[in-house]
Every structure is written in structure tokens, then in C-alpha cells.
Amino acid sequence: MAAVEAVLIGGGNRGRYTYGAWALRHPDRLRIVGLAEPVAERRAAVAAEHRIEPDRVVADWREILSGPRFAEVAIIATSDTLHVEPALEALSRGHHLLLEKPIAPDPVDCVRVVDAAEKAERVVQIGHVLRYTEFYGRLREIVSSGRLGEIVAIDMKEHVAHWHLAHSYVRGKFRNRRIAAPIVLAKTCHDLDLLAWLVDRPFRRVASFGSLSHFRSDAAPPGAPDRCTDGCPVQDDCLHDAVRFYCGPDESLARIWPWTDLGIDPSREARRRALETGPYGVCVYRCDNDVPDHQILAIEFDGGVTATFTLQGLATHERRTIRVSGTRGELRGVFQDGQIEITRHGSLERETLRIEAPLDGHSGGDHGLLSHFTDLLRRRAYAEVRASGRVSLESHLLGFAAEEARLHGTVIEMPEYRDRIAREVAVA
């Protein structure tokens, strides 16, 4: 079978180093034949890596989607706020979509994209890569098999390392609501998607609590300047010193994320210049961030299953944990350790599963998603898409409802919320 040909819209971290890199490793399955990327140095680098014809390399996605369609797929890997327009245009011109999560930073726009895909009869694969890891695949098999009995309650937690929160959600591209979706979608839409996948019932209601408690101006050390490069009196002891974090690693390490967010040049000199002028050099207590650094969701599904989900951004290490309680047994898992433990009520025995997975690429999820997506397109087996727009929409709406519940101190009834969004879509 011929390789799937795709136009890449967005040549940044995910576009270049995930989708583009996978295409270079698997040229028999995926080929990048067009590129839209506004940053000149990124555009040149990605075009050279994939040997894209010069007339198919542009700065503006409108230009590459305005002419005759020359690729089957559009991969949209732009920032959160720039998904909707290229997605709708690509669908109108007959492309299948591989769309980075979240679909959009607004619930109405999420519905618009999903409706457009179904009207165009095109596949929309959302980037919910954790569905494609062996760990969560095995976990779902166990839950679905009935070995735990009827599922009663689930407790999930995502512990975000302090450096990761500071990089992405304090200084970085997802630091406030003006430029990104709420953190419950920008960061944890994977987890909400997994909850929907595991329980396989509609969400009934949600409440949420959380706030920005640490990364605020009133927590700044006395005398701390606006930038870490301006000479801070506590620089040697600050956990979040930008100079040490971003300029410390050598050039080989700086060629991967998160250092690639500073720019394409991995030299220490270039990184230092980026800190002196860009957002990553700003003191974590002086940023324009409004993202909660901890949040909890309380969720009820149709049928009475309950779930709690906790996000906290002051962890020492990255961890995703889960506990599933059923009428006959219980499951506990730690994603990063690749460990699943199963116990049965009335028995002292424990069954422990060890799942080996790559340390990078979302523990194999990136490869799993791209392998599955290209395979179903090559076989024209479109109905096999696992994280379609329609499926993903349910967890997206839960995330937006949870953020509304957090902001207003209310419990959101999901049937009423879905109806309200549907009315807003009709008006739009």
C-alpha cells in the first residue's frame, strides 16, 4: 500500500518532532508533502528534512489550502487558539484530519469542527495518544472484562512536575486563558478522555475546585527582578531559576523538548538571548499567568459510577496514577512505572503486571496513534478510528463544564450543558 501523504500545518514541537519525525522514520507509511509554518527558521528546517517541493512550503496555511488538494490528510499542529479555521477549511476541501488536542479552546468551536467533519464524511483523529499506549490499553481490557465486577468508583491523578508547570503553564504557551484552553483541557484532556473510555457511559454532572496558589506576584522573593537574567538575589537557591534550567544542559540535550520551545538554535548563547527577551526568562512570580496550579473534579456518570480527578502542578516527578474500584476487586496503576496491581475482594493474593514502554513519545502512544491512523486510512477502514472527533467531544465538553463549575462554584448538569452549547452552535 502507498504511504499516506499529508500537509503539515504547524512545524513546531509536535509538528516537527512528533509527526514529522515519525514520518521520517516510516516513509512507507506517512509522507509530509506540504508545509505551512509562519516562523521562517522552522519552515526552512522542516522543509529540508522532508524534501518538500518549494511551491508547497508556505508561511500561511490559507495559501496551502486554497489551491487544488494534493494530500489526503491535513495534520494540524498549531497552537490551541489556531486550530479551528484551518481544520474547517481542510475539511471543506476533502482532507482527513489529524488534529492536535484540544480540538479548540471554546466548546462551540469544538462542536463546529466535529459537525463539519461528519458533514464532509471525513475522519478526524484527535491526538489522544494515551489511548494508544500498552499501559492504558491493558488497563481498559481488565476493566471491560468484568474481572473487577461492576465498576463503582475511579480515582485518577495527574502529578505535573514543578518544572513542567513552570515551563508550559506559567511562562509558556498555555499560561493564560487568552492564548490557550483551560488547563483541564490543555493539559489533562488525555485524562478526561481516558475516564470516558474506561467507563463508556455519558457524564451526568461535574463539580470542580482549584486555584492559582503559588505562582503569583505576592509569592515573589524580596528583590526578585522581572527576569532571571537581570540578577536575582535568590537565584542560586530558586527552584525555578530560568538561567540554570534553560542554559545548563549541553547542546545535545537542548535539541529536545522543553528546550526547543526557546528556538531552533540549541547553543547556550542563543538560549541566553531567548531568556533575555522572551517569555521563558521571566520570573515565575512575575508572569501574566492565570492558570490554576491545582484543581480537582468530582464527576458522576449515567448509571451512578463516580470519579475523582486531581491535577496538581507542584510535584517532584511526573506521575499519572489510577485506582478503579469494583464490586469484586480493585485495580491500582502508575503509568510512569508501567505497573498495574489487581486485587480480589476476599483474597490476600495480588496480581502485578509490568508493562515495558519507551520513555519518550508518551510511552509509545505517539507511535501507536500514528500507526493506527495511517493503517486505517490505507485500508479505507474509516470506522475504526479510536479517538474520533465525536468521541473526543464528550470529554472536551466535560472539561469546559468543569472549568465553568470551578469559576462559578456550581455543579454542572451535563445534559443541560450539552443542550446549551448546541443552542449556541445553532446561533453561531
Protein backbone atom coordinates (compact mmCIF):
# COMPACT_ATOMS: atom_id res chain seq x y z
CA MET A 1 0.00 0.00 0.00
CA ALA A 2 1.17 3.52 -0.76
CA ALA A 3 2.15 5.88 2.02
CA VAL A 4 -0.41 8.38 3.29
CA GLU A 5 0.50 11.86 2.07
CA ALA A 6 -0.09 14.78 4.41
CA VAL A 7 0.24 18.53 4.59
CA LEU A 8 1.62 19.69 7.91
CA ILE A 9 0.13 22.88 9.34
CA GLY A 10 2.41 23.94 12.17
CA GLY A 11 6.07 22.93 12.24
CA GLY A 12 6.76 23.47 15.93
CA ASN A 13 7.33 20.93 18.68
CA ARG A 14 4.57 18.42 17.91
CA GLY A 15 4.53 19.08 14.19
CA ARG A 16 8.26 18.68 13.64
CA TYR A 17 9.46 16.42 16.42
CA THR A 18 6.49 14.05 16.71
CA TYR A 19 4.53 13.83 13.46
CA GLY A 20 7.35 14.90 11.18
CA ALA A 21 9.92 12.71 12.91
CA TRP A 22 7.63 9.67 12.73
CA ALA A 23 7.14 10.25 9.00
CA LEU A 24 10.91 10.31 8.51
CA ARG A 25 11.25 7.00 10.37
CA HIS A 26 8.31 5.43 8.48
CA PRO A 27 8.39 6.84 4.91
CA ASP A 28 6.49 3.81 3.64
CA ARG A 29 3.51 4.81 5.82
CA LEU A 30 3.46 8.62 6.03
CA ARG A 31 4.97 11.34 3.87
CA ILE A 32 4.89 15.07 4.58
CA VAL A 33 4.41 16.69 1.16
CA GLY A 34 3.33 20.20 2.15
CA LEU A 35 4.06 22.63 4.97
CA ALA A 36 2.57 25.81 6.43
CA GLU A 37 4.68 27.37 9.19
CA PRO A 38 4.93 31.10 9.92
CA VAL A 39 8.37 31.03 11.59
CA ALA A 40 10.98 31.18 8.82
CA GLU A 41 13.70 29.17 10.52
CA ARG A 42 11.29 26.38 11.45
CA ARG A 43 9.79 26.43 7.98
CA ALA A 44 13.19 26.03 6.34
CA ALA A 45 14.28 23.24 8.71
CA VAL A 46 11.13 21.13 8.30
CA ALA A 47 11.03 21.64 4.52
CA ALA A 48 14.64 20.48 4.22
CA GLU A 49 14.09 17.42 6.41
CA HIS A 50 11.19 16.22 4.29
CA ARG A 51 12.49 17.49 0.92
CA ILE A 52 9.22 19.25 0.26
CA GLU A 53 8.77 20.96 -3.12
CA PRO A 54 9.35 24.73 -2.70
CA ASP A 55 5.93 25.66 -4.08
CA ARG A 56 4.36 23.57 -1.30
CA VAL A 57 6.16 25.38 1.54
CA VAL A 58 4.36 28.50 2.77
CA ALA A 59 4.05 30.73 5.80
CA ASP A 60 0.24 30.94 5.87
CA TRP A 61 -1.97 27.86 5.97
CA ARG A 62 -4.58 29.68 3.86
CA GLU A 63 -2.21 29.63 0.95
CA ILE A 64 -1.57 25.92 1.09
CA LEU A 65 -5.27 25.06 1.45
CA SER A 66 -6.54 27.48 -1.20
CA GLY A 67 -5.37 25.56 -4.26
CA PRO A 68 -6.10 22.05 -5.53
CA ARG A 69 -5.83 19.35 -2.86
CA PHE A 70 -2.59 17.41 -3.24
CA ALA A 71 -2.61 15.43 0.03
CA GLU A 72 -5.11 13.10 1.65
CA VAL A 73 -4.52 14.34 5.20
CA ALA A 74 -4.04 17.66 6.95
CA ILE A 75 -2.07 17.42 10.20
CA ILE A 76 -2.93 20.44 12.33
CA ALA A 77 -0.30 21.06 14.99
CA THR A 78 -0.69 24.78 15.55
CA SER A 79 -1.22 26.38 18.94
CA ASP A 80 -4.57 25.79 20.69
CA THR A 81 -6.20 29.01 19.52
CA LEU A 82 -5.35 28.41 15.85
CA HIS A 83 -6.95 25.01 15.27
CA VAL A 84 -10.43 25.88 14.15
CA GLU A 85 -10.07 27.85 10.92
CA PRO A 86 -7.54 25.54 9.23
CA ALA A 87 -9.50 22.50 10.41
CA LEU A 88 -12.74 23.75 8.91
CA GLU A 89 -11.03 24.78 5.67
CA ALA A 90 -9.19 21.47 5.33
CA LEU A 91 -12.43 19.53 5.90
CA SER A 92 -14.25 21.63 3.31
CA ARG A 93 -11.58 20.66 0.78
CA GLY A 94 -11.81 16.94 1.48
CA HIS A 95 -8.89 16.31 3.82
CA HIS A 96 -8.96 13.82 6.64
CA LEU A 97 -7.62 15.42 9.83
CA LEU A 98 -5.07 14.55 12.43
CA LEU A 99 -5.86 17.29 14.92
CA GLU A 100 -3.83 18.10 17.99
CA LYS A 101 -5.72 18.19 21.24
CA PRO A 102 -7.66 20.06 22.45
CA ILE A 103 -9.92 20.48 19.43
CA ALA A 104 -10.41 24.17 20.27
CA PRO A 105 -10.27 26.44 23.34
CA ASP A 106 -14.03 27.05 23.16
CA PRO A 107 -16.84 24.43 23.35
CA VAL A 108 -18.84 25.95 20.49
CA ASP A 109 -15.86 25.71 18.16
CA CYS A 110 -15.25 22.12 19.21
CA VAL A 111 -18.78 21.21 18.14
CA ARG A 112 -18.40 23.15 14.89
CA VAL A 113 -15.32 21.14 13.91
CA VAL A 114 -16.92 17.80 14.77
CA ASP A 115 -20.14 18.66 12.91
CA ALA A 116 -18.15 19.79 9.86
CA ALA A 117 -16.19 16.53 9.79
CA GLU A 118 -19.33 14.44 9.90
CA LYS A 119 -20.97 16.54 7.21
CA ALA A 120 -17.89 16.13 5.00
CA GLU A 121 -17.67 12.41 5.87
CA ARG A 122 -14.01 12.80 6.77
CA VAL A 123 -12.03 11.15 9.56
CA VAL A 124 -10.93 13.41 12.42
CA GLN A 125 -8.34 11.75 14.62
CA ILE A 126 -7.79 13.72 17.82
CA GLY A 127 -4.34 13.49 19.42
CA HIS A 128 -5.40 11.46 22.46
CA VAL A 129 -2.21 9.43 22.38
CA LEU A 130 -2.65 7.73 25.78
CA ARG A 131 -5.41 5.56 24.33
CA TYR A 132 -2.71 4.04 22.16
CA THR A 133 -0.29 3.08 24.93
CA GLU A 134 0.00 -0.53 26.02
CA PHE A 135 -0.48 0.51 29.65
CA TYR A 136 -3.92 2.07 29.22
CA GLY A 137 -4.91 -0.49 26.62
CA ARG A 138 -4.26 -3.31 29.10
CA LEU A 139 -5.99 -1.38 31.85
CA ARG A 140 -9.11 -0.96 29.76
CA GLU A 141 -9.12 -4.66 28.85
CA ILE A 142 -9.12 -5.55 32.55
CA VAL A 143 -11.91 -3.10 33.39
CA SER A 144 -14.04 -4.21 30.42
CA SER A 145 -13.52 -7.93 31.12
CA GLY A 146 -15.61 -7.87 34.30
CA ARG A 147 -12.76 -9.16 36.48
CA LEU A 148 -13.36 -6.28 38.90
CA GLY A 149 -17.14 -6.73 38.80
CA GLU A 150 -19.30 -3.67 38.25
CA ILE A 151 -17.23 -0.52 38.37
CA VAL A 152 -18.28 1.74 41.23
CA ALA A 153 -15.63 4.44 41.52
CA ILE A 154 -12.45 5.67 39.84
CA ASP A 155 -9.77 7.93 41.28
CA MET A 156 -7.28 9.41 38.82
CA LYS A 157 -4.45 11.84 39.49
CA GLU A 158 -2.02 13.69 37.31
CA HIS A 159 1.01 14.96 39.19
CA VAL A 160 2.71 17.57 37.00
CA ALA A 161 6.35 18.20 37.87
CA HIS A 162 7.03 21.72 39.14
CA TRP A 163 9.42 22.47 36.25
CA HIS A 164 6.81 21.35 33.69
CA LEU A 165 4.10 23.57 35.13
CA ALA A 166 6.51 26.50 35.28
CA HIS A 167 7.64 25.96 31.69
CA SER A 168 4.30 25.41 29.97
CA TYR A 169 1.63 26.90 32.23
CA VAL A 170 3.40 29.79 33.97
CA ARG A 171 5.91 31.08 31.43
CA GLY A 172 4.86 29.23 28.32
CA LYS A 173 2.31 28.80 25.57
CA PHE A 174 -0.55 27.73 27.85
CA ARG A 175 -0.10 30.27 30.65
CA ASN A 176 -3.43 32.10 30.44
CA ARG A 177 -6.93 31.79 29.10
CA ARG A 178 -6.40 34.43 26.39
CA ILE A 179 -3.95 32.25 24.49
CA ALA A 180 -4.95 28.69 25.37
CA ALA A 181 -7.70 26.38 26.54
CA PRO A 182 -8.23 25.90 30.31
CA ILE A 183 -5.54 23.72 31.85
CA VAL A 184 -8.10 20.99 32.45
CA LEU A 185 -8.13 20.63 28.66
CA ALA A 186 -4.73 22.00 27.64
CA LYS A 187 -3.01 19.53 30.00
CA THR A 188 -5.47 16.94 31.26
CA CYS A 189 -7.81 16.31 28.34
CA HIS A 190 -5.89 12.99 28.00
CA ASP A 191 -7.10 12.02 31.46
CA LEU A 192 -10.70 13.09 30.85
CA ASP A 193 -10.65 11.13 27.61
CA LEU A 194 -9.38 8.05 29.45
CA LEU A 195 -12.18 8.36 32.01
CA ALA A 196 -14.76 8.46 29.23
CA TRP A 197 -13.09 5.48 27.54
CA LEU A 198 -12.91 3.38 30.70
CA VAL A 199 -16.46 3.95 31.96
CA ASP A 200 -18.05 4.12 28.49
CA ARG A 201 -21.12 6.00 29.71
CA PRO A 202 -22.11 9.64 29.34
CA PHE A 203 -21.08 12.12 32.01
CA ARG A 204 -24.06 13.23 34.12
CA ARG A 205 -22.69 16.05 36.32
CA VAL A 206 -19.46 17.65 37.42
CA ALA A 207 -18.16 19.97 40.15
CA SER A 208 -14.66 21.39 40.35
CA PHE A 209 -12.41 23.34 42.71
CA GLY A 210 -8.93 24.78 42.30
CA SER A 211 -6.88 27.94 42.16
CA LEU A 212 -3.54 29.55 41.44
CA SER A 213 -1.91 29.40 44.84
CA HIS A 214 1.85 29.62 44.30
CA PHE A 215 3.00 31.17 41.03
CA ARG A 216 1.77 34.66 41.92
CA SER A 217 3.39 38.05 42.43
CA ASP A 218 2.75 38.01 46.17
CA ALA A 219 4.92 34.89 46.44
CA ALA A 220 7.94 36.53 44.76
CA PRO A 221 11.11 36.64 46.90
CA PRO A 222 12.05 40.15 48.10
CA GLY A 223 14.05 41.96 45.46
CA ALA A 224 13.32 39.50 42.67
CA PRO A 225 13.55 41.30 39.29
CA ASP A 226 11.19 40.75 36.38
CA ARG A 227 13.69 38.46 34.63
CA CYS A 228 16.02 35.78 35.90
CA THR A 229 18.73 37.23 33.64
CA ASP A 230 18.64 40.58 35.48
CA GLY A 231 20.46 39.39 38.59
CA CYS A 232 18.22 37.88 41.25
CA PRO A 233 19.30 37.86 44.92
CA VAL A 234 17.94 34.32 45.43
CA GLN A 235 18.98 32.90 42.05
CA ASP A 236 21.28 30.23 43.48
CA ASP A 237 18.51 28.76 45.63
CA CYS A 238 15.44 29.32 43.43
CA LEU A 239 13.87 26.11 42.12
CA HIS A 240 12.60 27.99 39.08
CA ASP A 241 15.71 29.89 38.00
CA ALA A 242 15.42 30.14 34.22
CA VAL A 243 19.15 30.57 33.59
CA ARG A 244 20.09 27.33 35.31
CA PHE A 245 17.17 25.36 33.86
CA TYR A 246 17.40 26.51 30.24
CA CYS A 247 21.13 27.24 29.81
CA GLY A 248 22.51 24.41 31.94
CA PRO A 249 22.05 21.44 29.56
CA ASP A 250 24.54 20.93 26.73
CA GLU A 251 23.56 21.33 23.08
CA SER A 252 22.71 17.66 22.56
CA LEU A 253 20.06 17.74 25.29
CA ALA A 254 18.84 21.18 24.22
CA ARG A 255 17.76 19.70 20.89
CA ILE A 256 14.72 18.12 22.55
CA TRP A 257 11.68 19.49 24.38
CA PRO A 258 11.31 21.60 26.51
CA TRP A 259 14.42 23.48 25.41
CA THR A 260 13.28 23.50 21.77
CA ASP A 261 10.48 25.87 22.79
CA LEU A 262 13.12 28.60 23.13
CA GLY A 263 14.08 28.42 19.45
CA ILE A 264 15.66 26.30 16.79
CA ASP A 265 19.27 27.15 17.73
CA PRO A 266 20.37 24.91 20.65
CA SER A 267 23.53 26.85 21.51
CA ARG A 268 23.83 28.28 25.00
CA GLU A 269 24.31 31.74 23.52
CA ALA A 270 21.01 31.51 21.65
CA ARG A 271 19.21 30.19 24.71
CA ARG A 272 20.58 33.03 26.81
CA ARG A 273 19.37 35.60 24.26
CA ALA A 274 15.93 33.98 24.27
CA LEU A 275 15.74 34.31 28.05
CA GLU A 276 16.69 37.98 27.90
CA THR A 277 13.83 38.87 25.57
CA GLY A 278 11.24 36.08 25.54
CA PRO A 279 8.69 34.70 27.98
CA TYR A 280 10.83 31.84 29.29
CA GLY A 281 13.22 34.25 31.02
CA VAL A 282 10.51 35.96 33.08
CA CYS A 283 10.45 35.29 36.81
CA VAL A 284 7.77 32.68 37.55
CA TYR A 285 6.26 35.08 40.09
CA ARG A 286 6.08 37.97 37.58
CA CYS A 287 4.29 36.30 34.63
CA ASP A 288 0.85 37.05 33.20
CA ASN A 289 -0.37 33.54 34.07
CA ASP A 290 -3.85 32.82 35.41
CA VAL A 291 -3.80 29.02 35.20
CA PRO A 292 -4.63 27.06 38.39
CA ASP A 293 -1.69 25.15 39.79
CA HIS A 294 -4.04 22.61 41.37
CA GLN A 295 -7.58 21.52 40.54
CA ILE A 296 -9.92 18.68 41.42
CA LEU A 297 -13.00 17.36 39.59
CA ALA A 298 -15.86 15.36 41.10
CA ILE A 299 -17.76 13.52 38.35
CA GLU A 300 -20.88 11.37 38.16
CA PHE A 301 -21.70 9.21 35.14
CA ASP A 302 -25.05 7.90 33.95
CA GLY A 303 -25.71 4.76 35.98
CA GLY A 304 -24.13 6.15 39.14
CA VAL A 305 -20.41 5.50 38.63
CA THR A 306 -18.41 8.27 40.30
CA ALA A 307 -14.91 9.52 39.60
CA THR A 308 -12.50 12.00 41.06
CA PHE A 309 -9.70 13.54 39.09
CA THR A 310 -6.90 15.64 40.60
CA LEU A 311 -4.37 17.80 38.81
CA GLN A 312 -1.54 19.28 40.85
CA GLY A 313 1.43 21.11 39.44
CA LEU A 314 3.90 21.11 42.32
CA ALA A 315 5.08 17.52 42.06
CA THR A 316 8.69 16.43 42.33
CA HIS A 317 8.24 13.95 39.47
CA GLU A 318 5.68 13.43 36.70
CA ARG A 319 3.14 10.77 37.66
CA ARG A 320 -0.24 9.56 36.44
CA THR A 321 -1.96 7.24 38.90
CA ILE A 322 -5.30 5.43 38.84
CA ARG A 323 -7.41 3.37 41.20
CA VAL A 324 -10.51 1.55 39.90
CA SER A 325 -12.85 0.04 42.49
CA GLY A 326 -15.41 -2.60 41.52
CA THR A 327 -17.83 -4.92 43.26
CA ARG A 328 -15.42 -7.88 43.00
CA GLY A 329 -11.98 -6.34 43.04
CA GLU A 330 -9.75 -3.35 42.66
CA LEU A 331 -7.04 -2.13 40.28
CA ARG A 332 -4.22 0.31 41.01
CA GLY A 333 -1.78 1.61 38.45
CA VAL A 334 1.14 4.01 37.98
CA PHE A 335 1.63 4.93 34.34
CA GLN A 336 5.28 6.06 34.51
CA ASP A 337 6.28 2.89 36.39
CA GLY A 338 4.38 0.65 33.97
CA GLN A 339 2.82 -1.18 36.92
CA ILE A 340 -0.75 -2.44 37.33
CA GLU A 341 -1.79 -4.25 40.51
CA ILE A 342 -5.04 -6.21 40.79
CA THR A 343 -6.60 -7.49 43.99
CA ARG A 344 -9.75 -9.52 44.51
CA HIS A 345 -12.16 -8.96 47.40
CA GLY A 346 -11.81 -11.74 49.98
CA SER A 347 -8.34 -12.76 48.84
CA LEU A 348 -4.87 -11.75 50.05
CA GLU A 349 -3.28 -12.50 46.68
CA ARG A 350 -2.11 -9.71 44.39
CA GLU A 351 -1.53 -9.89 40.67
CA THR A 352 1.09 -7.47 39.39
CA LEU A 353 1.58 -6.64 35.73
CA ARG A 354 4.75 -4.95 34.48
CA ILE A 355 4.48 -3.14 31.18
CA GLU A 356 7.67 -2.06 29.47
CA ALA A 357 7.31 1.07 27.34
CA PRO A 358 9.57 3.65 25.71
CA LEU A 359 10.50 6.58 27.91
CA ASP A 360 9.71 9.09 25.16
CA GLY A 361 6.80 9.64 22.81
CA HIS A 362 4.15 9.42 25.56
CA SER A 363 5.35 5.88 26.40
CA GLY A 364 4.67 4.64 22.90
CA GLY A 365 1.39 6.49 22.49
CA ASP A 366 2.66 8.75 19.70
CA HIS A 367 3.78 5.76 17.65
CA GLY A 368 0.59 3.85 18.45
CA LEU A 369 -1.67 6.67 17.32
CA LEU A 370 0.21 7.34 14.07
CA SER A 371 0.50 3.66 13.26
CA HIS A 372 -3.23 3.14 13.80
CA PHE A 373 -4.25 6.29 11.94
CA THR A 374 -2.16 5.63 8.85
CA ASP A 375 -3.22 1.98 8.81
CA LEU A 376 -6.95 2.73 8.85
CA LEU A 377 -6.53 5.34 6.11
CA ARG A 378 -4.54 2.99 3.88
CA ARG A 379 -7.19 0.29 4.31
CA ARG A 380 -10.05 2.81 3.99
CA ALA A 381 -11.33 1.43 7.32
CA TYR A 382 -12.52 4.82 8.50
CA ALA A 383 -14.96 3.48 11.10
CA GLU A 384 -12.06 2.05 13.11
CA VAL A 385 -10.82 5.46 14.28
CA ARG A 386 -10.46 5.16 18.05
CA ALA A 387 -10.44 8.79 19.22
CA SER A 388 -12.68 10.43 16.66
CA GLY A 389 -13.93 13.98 16.92
CA ARG A 390 -17.37 12.84 18.10
CA VAL A 391 -15.94 10.51 20.74
CA SER A 392 -13.48 13.13 21.94
CA LEU A 393 -16.14 15.81 22.11
CA GLU A 394 -17.72 14.21 25.20
CA SER A 395 -14.58 14.63 27.33
CA HIS A 396 -13.94 18.11 25.89
CA LEU A 397 -17.39 19.27 26.99
CA LEU A 398 -16.76 17.80 30.42
CA GLY A 399 -13.56 19.86 30.67
CA PHE A 400 -15.27 23.11 29.71
CA ALA A 401 -18.13 22.38 32.11
CA ALA A 402 -15.64 21.65 34.90
CA GLU A 403 -13.92 24.97 34.34
CA GLU A 404 -17.28 26.75 34.47
CA ALA A 405 -18.07 24.90 37.69
CA ARG A 406 -14.72 25.95 39.18
CA LEU A 407 -15.13 29.60 38.26
CA HIS A 408 -18.71 29.91 39.46
CA GLY A 409 -18.83 27.44 42.35
CA THR A 410 -21.63 25.40 40.83
CA VAL A 411 -22.47 21.83 39.91
CA ILE A 412 -22.95 21.50 36.15
CA GLU A 413 -25.61 19.12 34.89
CA MET A 414 -24.15 17.73 31.68
CA PRO A 415 -27.39 17.13 29.71
CA GLU A 416 -28.36 20.76 30.26
CA TYR A 417 -24.83 21.91 29.43
CA ARG A 418 -24.78 19.94 26.14
CA ASP A 419 -28.15 21.44 25.19
CA ARG A 420 -26.91 24.95 25.95
CA ILE A 421 -23.80 24.52 23.80
CA ALA A 422 -25.92 23.06 20.99
CA ARG A 423 -28.13 26.17 21.08
CA GLU A 424 -25.04 28.40 20.96
CA VAL A 425 -23.76 26.44 17.96
CA ALA A 426 -27.06 26.93 16.20
CA VAL A 427 -26.90 30.67 16.79
CA ALA A 428 -23.27 30.80 15.61
